[in-house]
Amino acid sequence: MKKAALFIAFQGFRDEEYAEPKRIMEKAGLTVETISTSKGLARGKIKITAQVDKVLDEVNISDYACMALVGGPGALEHLDKPKVHKMFTDFHAQGKPIAAICISPVILAHAGLLKNKKATVWPDGSNELVANGAVYTGKELEIDSNIITANGPAAAKAYGEAIVEAVK
């Protein structure tokens, strides 16, 4: 069975950007592991919690068919780090799909992964994408080669479906 890694902020991930794609991926037969910076129960922005399966140091990127970032107010604070940048860069170099929703495409941009790629992001992050060489489209969902970006909670369903399609 194929596995997907879903990276969330330990505090302040966006509830529906985690729950909806996870549900869609699991329904499609993927095993979804929740990755964060601390063990225990991560807290969403609104009300849900998520059990963290692995912390960053425990992740072996070769175990996954896809790696995806969840947005929310805590995403940049918790996940916009050199260790996460390297994980996504190394994973992408293997030709496997990566994904980011809401503000988290900024993390991919900071990792250098969106240079000359069409991408979207929560409007607050558009300047960061452009400053890092991305072609910002402002669409709800954008797919450029094997990089999926989405712009926020309203795109959570389409984001989950795009990840499933990319892993097939």
C-alpha atoms as a PDB file:
ATOM      1  CA  MET A   1       0.000   0.000   0.000  1.00  0.00           C
ATOM      2  CA  LYS A   2       1.320   3.439  -0.925  1.00  0.00           C
ATOM      3  CA  LYS A   3       1.997   5.976   1.814  1.00  0.00           C
ATOM      4  CA  ALA A   4       1.642   9.747   1.833  1.00  0.00           C
ATOM      5  CA  ALA A   5       3.223  12.150   4.324  1.00  0.00           C
ATOM      6  CA  LEU A   6       1.038  15.050   5.441  1.00  0.00           C
ATOM      7  CA  PHE A   7       3.083  17.757   7.184  1.00  0.00           C
ATOM      8  CA  ILE A   8       1.241  19.975   9.696  1.00  0.00           C
ATOM      9  CA  ALA A   9       2.140  22.717  12.153  1.00  0.00           C
ATOM     10  CA  PHE A  10       2.027  21.400  15.717  1.00  0.00           C
ATOM     11  CA  GLN A  11      -0.035  24.472  16.636  1.00  0.00           C
ATOM     12  CA  GLY A  12      -2.315  26.240  14.165  1.00  0.00           C
ATOM     13  CA  PHE A  13      -2.686  23.975  11.138  1.00  0.00           C
ATOM     14  CA  ARG A  14      -5.797  24.668   9.061  1.00  0.00           C
ATOM     15  CA  ASP A  15      -8.407  22.061  10.041  1.00  0.00           C
ATOM     16  CA  GLU A  16     -10.108  21.420   6.709  1.00  0.00           C
ATOM     17  CA  GLU A  17      -6.837  21.510   4.746  1.00  0.00           C
ATOM     18  CA  TYR A  18      -5.718  18.552   6.857  1.00  0.00           C
ATOM     19  CA  ALA A  19      -8.938  16.602   7.422  1.00  0.00           C
ATOM     20  CA  GLU A  20     -10.429  16.729   3.897  1.00  0.00           C
ATOM     21  CA  PRO A  21      -7.320  15.690   1.900  1.00  0.00           C
ATOM     22  CA  LYS A  22      -6.522  13.008   4.500  1.00  0.00           C
ATOM     23  CA  ARG A  23     -10.047  11.581   4.174  1.00  0.00           C
ATOM     24  CA  ILE A  24      -9.826  11.594   0.358  1.00  0.00           C
ATOM     25  CA  MET A  25      -6.387   9.971   0.333  1.00  0.00           C
ATOM     26  CA  GLU A  26      -7.394   7.247   2.793  1.00  0.00           C
ATOM     27  CA  LYS A  27     -10.609   6.566   0.870  1.00  0.00           C
ATOM     28  CA  ALA A  28      -8.429   6.061  -2.245  1.00  0.00           C
ATOM     29  CA  GLY A  29      -6.362   3.458  -0.376  1.00  0.00           C
ATOM     30  CA  LEU A  30      -3.355   5.519   0.668  1.00  0.00           C
ATOM     31  CA  THR A  31      -1.883   5.210   4.138  1.00  0.00           C
ATOM     32  CA  VAL A  32      -1.477   8.757   5.451  1.00  0.00           C
ATOM     33  CA  GLU A  33       1.143   9.559   8.081  1.00  0.00           C
ATOM     34  CA  THR A  34       0.896  12.869   9.929  1.00  0.00           C
ATOM     35  CA  ILE A  35       4.270  14.564  10.324  1.00  0.00           C
ATOM     36  CA  SER A  36       5.043  17.538  12.588  1.00  0.00           C
ATOM     37  CA  THR A  37       7.745  19.116  14.733  1.00  0.00           C
ATOM     38  CA  SER A  38       6.573  17.563  18.024  1.00  0.00           C
ATOM     39  CA  LYS A  39       4.973  14.294  19.139  1.00  0.00           C
ATOM     40  CA  GLY A  40       1.508  14.170  20.584  1.00  0.00           C
ATOM     41  CA  LEU A  41      -1.742  15.870  19.686  1.00  0.00           C
ATOM     42  CA  ALA A  42      -1.335  18.754  17.227  1.00  0.00           C
ATOM     43  CA  ARG A  43      -3.960  21.516  17.420  1.00  0.00           C
ATOM     44  CA  GLY A  44      -5.769  22.964  14.441  1.00  0.00           C
ATOM     45  CA  LYS A  45      -6.672  26.626  14.062  1.00  0.00           C
ATOM     46  CA  ILE A  46     -10.400  26.041  14.599  1.00  0.00           C
ATOM     47  CA  LYS A  47     -11.090  22.970  16.714  1.00  0.00           C
ATOM     48  CA  ILE A  48      -9.696  19.645  15.530  1.00  0.00           C
ATOM     49  CA  THR A  49      -6.652  17.831  16.822  1.00  0.00           C
ATOM     50  CA  ALA A  50      -4.452  15.370  14.972  1.00  0.00           C
ATOM     51  CA  GLN A  51      -2.254  12.619  16.349  1.00  0.00           C
ATOM     52  CA  VAL A  52       1.301  13.102  15.081  1.00  0.00           C
ATOM     53  CA  ASP A  53       2.691   9.838  13.699  1.00  0.00           C
ATOM     54  CA  LYS A  54       6.278  11.007  13.221  1.00  0.00           C
ATOM     55  CA  VAL A  55       8.461  14.016  13.926  1.00  0.00           C
ATOM     56  CA  LEU A  56      10.785  15.399  11.251  1.00  0.00           C
ATOM     57  CA  ASP A  57      13.826  13.421  12.446  1.00  0.00           C
ATOM     58  CA  GLU A  58      11.922  10.131  12.096  1.00  0.00           C
ATOM     59  CA  VAL A  59      10.928  10.627   8.458  1.00  0.00           C
ATOM     60  CA  ASN A  60      12.552   8.483   5.757  1.00  0.00           C
ATOM     61  CA  ILE A  61      11.440  10.202   2.554  1.00  0.00           C
ATOM     62  CA  SER A  62      11.875   7.034   0.485  1.00  0.00           C
ATOM     63  CA  ASP A  63       8.923   5.506   2.396  1.00  0.00           C
ATOM     64  CA  TYR A  64       6.436   7.811   0.658  1.00  0.00           C
ATOM     65  CA  ALA A  65       4.730   8.117  -2.717  1.00  0.00           C
ATOM     66  CA  CYS A  66       3.857  11.769  -2.038  1.00  0.00           C
ATOM     67  CA  MET A  67       4.684  14.484   0.497  1.00  0.00           C
ATOM     68  CA  ALA A  68       2.240  17.312   1.177  1.00  0.00           C
ATOM     69  CA  LEU A  69       2.134  20.435   3.329  1.00  0.00           C
ATOM     70  CA  VAL A  70      -0.950  21.737   5.141  1.00  0.00           C
ATOM     71  CA  GLY A  71      -1.391  25.478   5.627  1.00  0.00           C
ATOM     72  CA  GLY A  72      -2.783  27.546   8.459  1.00  0.00           C
ATOM     73  CA  PRO A  73      -1.428  30.280  10.713  1.00  0.00           C
ATOM     74  CA  GLY A  74       1.274  28.026  12.209  1.00  0.00           C
ATOM     75  CA  ALA A  75       2.618  26.591   8.940  1.00  0.00           C
ATOM     76  CA  LEU A  76       5.435  29.052   8.263  1.00  0.00           C
ATOM     77  CA  GLU A  77       6.475  29.298  11.925  1.00  0.00           C
ATOM     78  CA  HIS A  78       6.667  25.517  12.392  1.00  0.00           C
ATOM     79  CA  LEU A  79       7.591  24.149   8.950  1.00  0.00           C
ATOM     80  CA  ASP A  80       9.457  26.848   6.980  1.00  0.00           C
ATOM     81  CA  LYS A  81      12.793  25.426   8.122  1.00  0.00           C
ATOM     82  CA  PRO A  82      15.965  24.242   6.317  1.00  0.00           C
ATOM     83  CA  LYS A  83      15.289  20.623   7.390  1.00  0.00           C
ATOM     84  CA  VAL A  84      11.833  20.658   5.735  1.00  0.00           C
ATOM     85  CA  HIS A  85      13.218  22.453   2.665  1.00  0.00           C
ATOM     86  CA  LYS A  86      15.862  19.717   2.259  1.00  0.00           C
ATOM     87  CA  MET A  87      13.324  16.915   2.714  1.00  0.00           C
ATOM     88  CA  PHE A  88      11.057  18.317  -0.006  1.00  0.00           C
ATOM     89  CA  THR A  89      13.980  19.128  -2.317  1.00  0.00           C
ATOM     90  CA  ASP A  90      15.435  15.617  -1.967  1.00  0.00           C
ATOM     91  CA  PHE A  91      12.006  14.028  -2.407  1.00  0.00           C
ATOM     92  CA  HIS A  92      11.244  16.110  -5.503  1.00  0.00           C
ATOM     93  CA  ALA A  93      14.642  15.139  -6.956  1.00  0.00           C
ATOM     94  CA  GLN A  94      13.384  11.514  -6.911  1.00  0.00           C
ATOM     95  CA  GLY A  95      10.621  12.578  -9.330  1.00  0.00           C
ATOM     96  CA  LYS A  96       7.840  12.058  -6.805  1.00  0.00           C
ATOM     97  CA  PRO A  97       4.894  14.462  -6.382  1.00  0.00           C
ATOM     98  CA  ILE A  98       4.916  17.194  -3.760  1.00  0.00           C
ATOM     99  CA  ALA A  99       2.014  19.377  -2.699  1.00  0.00           C
ATOM    100  CA  ALA A 100       1.296  22.485  -0.621  1.00  0.00           C
ATOM    101  CA  ILE A 101      -1.916  24.326   0.258  1.00  0.00           C
ATOM    102  CA  CYS A 102      -2.848  27.763   1.645  1.00  0.00           C
ATOM    103  CA  ILE A 103       0.267  29.631   2.846  1.00  0.00           C
ATOM    104  CA  SER A 104       2.493  26.524   2.692  1.00  0.00           C
ATOM    105  CA  PRO A 105       3.502  26.942  -0.989  1.00  0.00           C
ATOM    106  CA  VAL A 106       5.750  29.691   0.448  1.00  0.00           C
ATOM    107  CA  ILE A 107       7.750  26.851   2.057  1.00  0.00           C
ATOM    108  CA  LEU A 108       8.254  25.235  -1.360  1.00  0.00           C
ATOM    109  CA  ALA A 109       9.233  28.640  -2.789  1.00  0.00           C
ATOM    110  CA  HIS A 110      11.795  29.170  -0.017  1.00  0.00           C
ATOM    111  CA  ALA A 111      13.194  25.697  -0.815  1.00  0.00           C
ATOM    112  CA  GLY A 112      13.714  26.822  -4.425  1.00  0.00           C
ATOM    113  CA  LEU A 113      11.195  24.324  -5.767  1.00  0.00           C
ATOM    114  CA  LEU A 114       8.828  26.783  -7.481  1.00  0.00           C
ATOM    115  CA  LYS A 115      11.362  28.622  -9.665  1.00  0.00           C
ATOM    116  CA  ASN A 116       9.788  28.996 -13.134  1.00  0.00           C
ATOM    117  CA  LYS A 117       6.801  26.862 -12.036  1.00  0.00           C
ATOM    118  CA  LYS A 118       3.146  27.879 -12.147  1.00  0.00           C
ATOM    119  CA  ALA A 119       1.885  27.986  -8.571  1.00  0.00           C
ATOM    120  CA  THR A 120      -0.833  29.395  -6.383  1.00  0.00           C
ATOM    121  CA  VAL A 121      -0.965  30.318  -2.701  1.00  0.00           C
ATOM    122  CA  TRP A 122      -3.150  32.080  -0.120  1.00  0.00           C
ATOM    123  CA  PRO A 123      -3.113  35.703  -1.410  1.00  0.00           C
ATOM    124  CA  ASP A 124      -0.884  36.881   1.482  1.00  0.00           C
ATOM    125  CA  GLY A 125       1.929  34.685   0.126  1.00  0.00           C
ATOM    126  CA  SER A 126       1.849  35.736  -3.533  1.00  0.00           C
ATOM    127  CA  ASN A 127       4.738  38.215  -3.183  1.00  0.00           C
ATOM    128  CA  GLU A 128       6.959  35.524  -1.634  1.00  0.00           C
ATOM    129  CA  LEU A 129       6.240  33.138  -4.508  1.00  0.00           C
ATOM    130  CA  VAL A 130       7.051  35.777  -7.121  1.00  0.00           C
ATOM    131  CA  ALA A 131      10.187  36.899  -5.216  1.00  0.00           C
ATOM    132  CA  ASN A 132      11.397  33.279  -5.320  1.00  0.00           C
ATOM    133  CA  GLY A 133      10.849  32.851  -9.047  1.00  0.00           C
ATOM    134  CA  ALA A 134       7.401  31.253  -9.200  1.00  0.00           C
ATOM    135  CA  VAL A 135       4.822  32.125 -11.823  1.00  0.00           C
ATOM    136  CA  TYR A 136       1.923  33.073  -9.528  1.00  0.00           C
ATOM    137  CA  THR A 137      -1.475  32.284 -11.117  1.00  0.00           C
ATOM    138  CA  GLY A 138      -3.944  33.016  -8.310  1.00  0.00           C
ATOM    139  CA  LYS A 139      -6.009  29.950  -9.252  1.00  0.00           C
ATOM    140  CA  GLU A 140      -7.676  27.744  -6.637  1.00  0.00           C
ATOM    141  CA  LEU A 141      -5.509  24.764  -7.673  1.00  0.00           C
ATOM    142  CA  GLU A 142      -2.391  24.682  -9.822  1.00  0.00           C
ATOM    143  CA  ILE A 143      -0.458  21.660 -11.068  1.00  0.00           C
ATOM    144  CA  ASP A 144       2.913  22.114 -12.785  1.00  0.00           C
ATOM    145  CA  SER A 145       4.682  18.843 -13.578  1.00  0.00           C
ATOM    146  CA  ASN A 146       4.614  16.971 -10.252  1.00  0.00           C
ATOM    147  CA  ILE A 147       4.077  19.995  -8.000  1.00  0.00           C
ATOM    148  CA  ILE A 148       0.552  20.650  -6.713  1.00  0.00           C
ATOM    149  CA  THR A 149      -0.342  23.951  -5.051  1.00  0.00           C
ATOM    150  CA  ALA A 150      -3.708  25.153  -3.761  1.00  0.00           C
ATOM    151  CA  ASN A 151      -4.801  28.491  -2.327  1.00  0.00           C
ATOM    152  CA  GLY A 152      -6.759  27.707   0.824  1.00  0.00           C
ATOM    153  CA  PRO A 153      -9.558  25.906   2.662  1.00  0.00           C
ATOM    154  CA  ALA A 154     -12.040  26.128  -0.230  1.00  0.00           C
ATOM    155  CA  ALA A 155      -9.576  24.137  -2.355  1.00  0.00           C
ATOM    156  CA  ALA A 156      -9.079  21.316   0.196  1.00  0.00           C
ATOM    157  CA  LYS A 157     -11.240  18.777  -1.670  1.00  0.00           C
ATOM    158  CA  ALA A 158      -9.636  19.498  -5.065  1.00  0.00           C
ATOM    159  CA  TYR A 159      -6.200  19.417  -3.377  1.00  0.00           C
ATOM    160  CA  GLY A 160      -6.836  15.951  -1.925  1.00  0.00           C
ATOM    161  CA  GLU A 161      -8.156  14.670  -5.259  1.00  0.00           C
ATOM    162  CA  ALA A 162      -5.115  16.071  -7.128  1.00  0.00           C
ATOM    163  CA  ILE A 163      -2.754  14.315  -4.699  1.00  0.00           C
ATOM    164  CA  VAL A 164      -4.556  10.986  -5.239  1.00  0.00           C
ATOM    165  CA  GLU A 165      -4.364  11.467  -9.012  1.00  0.00           C
ATOM    166  CA  ALA A 166      -0.636  12.301  -8.849  1.00  0.00           C
ATOM    167  CA  VAL A 167       0.126   9.152  -6.851  1.00  0.00           C
ATOM    168  CA  LYS A 168      -1.725   6.800  -9.223  1.00  0.00           C
END
